[in-house]
Amino acid sequence: MITRISSTDAANELIEKLRNEHGPIMFHQSGGCCDGSSPMCYPDGEFYLGSSDVCLGEVNGVSFYMSASQFEYWEHTHITLDAIPGTGGQFSLERPTGLRFFIRSRLYTDEEWDYLSKQPVKKCG
């Protein structure tokens, strides 16, 4: 299946830990303000989504969002959500775990792009 986003086993384990502790969660790819360009994890609904945000898809059952303007730069790129040792963003739920969410990216293959270019992202708001 061709997707815009996927996750590693390490990210899935951290997602499960956070869901067990906080209930439903969501991700928003930071645009580089306070916490650099890290994916931020929040309790579901705590981060306000508006018409300037899009949903890239789900990782391990959790929605992953990004601003539409940032997506314009990333639209040709597959994102893989990972979890690595470190300190998460100051507002992100994983901060006290000793792990942080991290994205890895690669350009789509021609076949992937041919498919995804005909599948618009879901706009929020």
Protein backbone atom coordinates (compact mmCIF):
# COMPACT_ATOMS: atom_id res chain seq x y z
CA MET A 1 0.00 0.00 0.00
CA ILE A 2 1.31 3.43 -0.94
CA THR A 3 1.12 5.98 1.88
CA ARG A 4 2.44 9.43 2.65
CA ILE A 5 3.55 8.43 6.14
CA SER A 6 4.66 5.29 7.95
CA SER A 7 6.22 4.48 11.31
CA THR A 8 9.00 2.31 12.68
CA ASP A 9 8.61 -0.33 15.39
CA ALA A 10 10.30 2.04 17.85
CA ALA A 11 7.78 4.80 17.07
CA ASN A 12 4.89 2.34 17.38
CA GLU A 13 6.11 1.21 20.81
CA LEU A 14 6.32 4.81 22.02
CA ILE A 15 2.88 5.58 20.55
CA GLU A 16 1.41 2.64 22.49
CA LYS A 17 3.08 3.80 25.70
CA LEU A 18 1.72 7.32 25.28
CA ARG A 19 -1.77 6.12 24.36
CA ASN A 20 -1.85 3.91 27.45
CA GLU A 21 -0.90 6.89 29.59
CA HIS A 22 -2.81 9.72 27.90
CA GLY A 23 -5.61 8.11 25.88
CA PRO A 24 -6.13 9.08 22.22
CA ILE A 25 -3.28 11.15 20.77
CA MET A 26 -2.46 13.06 17.58
CA PHE A 27 0.65 14.32 15.76
CA HIS A 28 1.36 17.67 14.15
CA GLN A 29 4.58 18.27 12.23
CA SER A 30 6.07 21.42 13.68
CA GLY A 31 6.99 24.15 11.26
CA GLY A 32 10.11 25.19 13.12
CA CYS A 33 8.89 27.74 15.65
CA CYS A 34 9.52 26.85 19.31
CA ASP A 35 10.66 23.26 18.92
CA GLY A 36 12.48 23.22 15.61
CA SER A 37 10.92 20.93 13.03
CA SER A 38 10.04 18.00 15.26
CA PRO A 39 6.82 16.03 15.04
CA MET A 40 4.80 17.02 18.09
CA CYS A 41 2.52 14.59 19.94
CA TYR A 42 -0.53 15.91 21.79
CA PRO A 43 -3.63 14.47 23.43
CA ASP A 44 -6.14 14.13 20.60
CA GLY A 45 -7.90 17.44 20.01
CA GLU A 46 -5.53 19.51 22.18
CA PHE A 47 -3.79 21.05 19.17
CA TYR A 48 -6.18 23.30 17.26
CA LEU A 49 -6.45 22.29 13.60
CA GLY A 50 -7.78 24.75 11.09
CA SER A 51 -8.26 25.20 7.38
CA SER A 52 -4.51 25.76 7.03
CA ASP A 53 -3.76 22.14 8.11
CA VAL A 54 -3.87 18.84 6.23
CA CYS A 55 -3.91 15.22 7.37
CA LEU A 56 -1.15 13.11 5.82
CA GLY A 57 -2.61 9.86 7.12
CA GLU A 58 -2.27 7.68 10.19
CA VAL A 59 0.59 5.93 11.93
CA ASN A 60 -0.37 3.06 14.21
CA GLY A 61 -3.94 4.38 14.29
CA VAL A 62 -2.93 7.97 15.14
CA SER A 63 -3.61 10.89 12.76
CA PHE A 64 -0.60 12.88 11.55
CA TYR A 65 -1.14 16.52 10.50
CA MET A 66 0.96 19.27 8.94
CA SER A 67 0.30 22.84 7.84
CA ALA A 68 -0.79 23.05 4.21
CA SER A 69 1.98 25.54 3.40
CA GLN A 70 4.61 23.19 4.84
CA PHE A 71 3.07 20.27 2.94
CA GLU A 72 3.73 22.15 -0.31
CA TYR A 73 7.45 21.63 0.38
CA TRP A 74 7.03 18.00 1.51
CA GLU A 75 4.44 16.72 -0.96
CA HIS A 76 7.00 14.71 -2.99
CA THR A 77 8.43 13.13 0.17
CA HIS A 78 7.47 10.02 2.10
CA ILE A 79 7.81 10.54 5.86
CA THR A 80 8.72 7.79 8.30
CA LEU A 81 8.07 8.54 11.96
CA ASP A 82 10.76 7.09 14.23
CA ALA A 83 11.60 7.31 17.95
CA ILE A 84 15.20 7.89 19.02
CA PRO A 85 16.95 8.65 22.32
CA GLY A 86 16.71 12.30 23.28
CA THR A 87 14.41 14.97 24.62
CA GLY A 88 11.18 15.69 22.77
CA GLY A 89 9.76 19.13 22.15
CA GLN A 90 8.78 21.03 25.28
CA PHE A 91 5.06 20.67 24.47
CA SER A 92 5.19 17.11 23.13
CA LEU A 93 3.93 14.19 25.22
CA GLU A 94 7.07 12.07 24.81
CA ARG A 95 9.34 14.66 26.45
CA PRO A 96 9.70 12.87 29.85
CA THR A 97 10.26 9.40 28.31
CA GLY A 98 13.90 9.77 27.31
CA LEU A 99 12.85 9.31 23.68
CA ARG A 100 11.79 11.76 21.03
CA PHE A 101 9.87 11.42 17.81
CA PHE A 102 11.97 12.01 14.72
CA ILE A 103 11.12 12.01 11.03
CA ARG A 104 13.09 10.42 8.25
CA SER A 105 12.22 11.20 4.67
CA ARG A 106 12.83 10.06 1.14
CA LEU A 107 11.53 11.10 -2.26
CA TYR A 108 8.73 9.02 -3.70
CA THR A 109 9.44 6.62 -6.51
CA ASP A 110 7.83 7.48 -9.84
CA GLU A 111 5.19 4.80 -9.23
CA GLU A 112 4.37 6.16 -5.75
CA TRP A 113 4.16 9.75 -6.99
CA ASP A 114 1.95 8.74 -9.92
CA TYR A 115 -0.51 7.23 -7.44
CA LEU A 116 -0.30 9.92 -4.72
CA SER A 117 -0.52 12.86 -7.12
CA LYS A 118 -4.08 11.69 -7.81
CA GLN A 119 -4.90 11.33 -4.08
CA PRO A 120 -5.23 14.77 -2.47
CA VAL A 121 -4.56 15.11 1.24
CA LYS A 122 -7.52 15.69 3.54
CA LYS A 123 -7.87 19.34 4.53
CA CYS A 124 -8.87 20.16 8.10
CA GLY A 125 -11.31 22.74 9.39
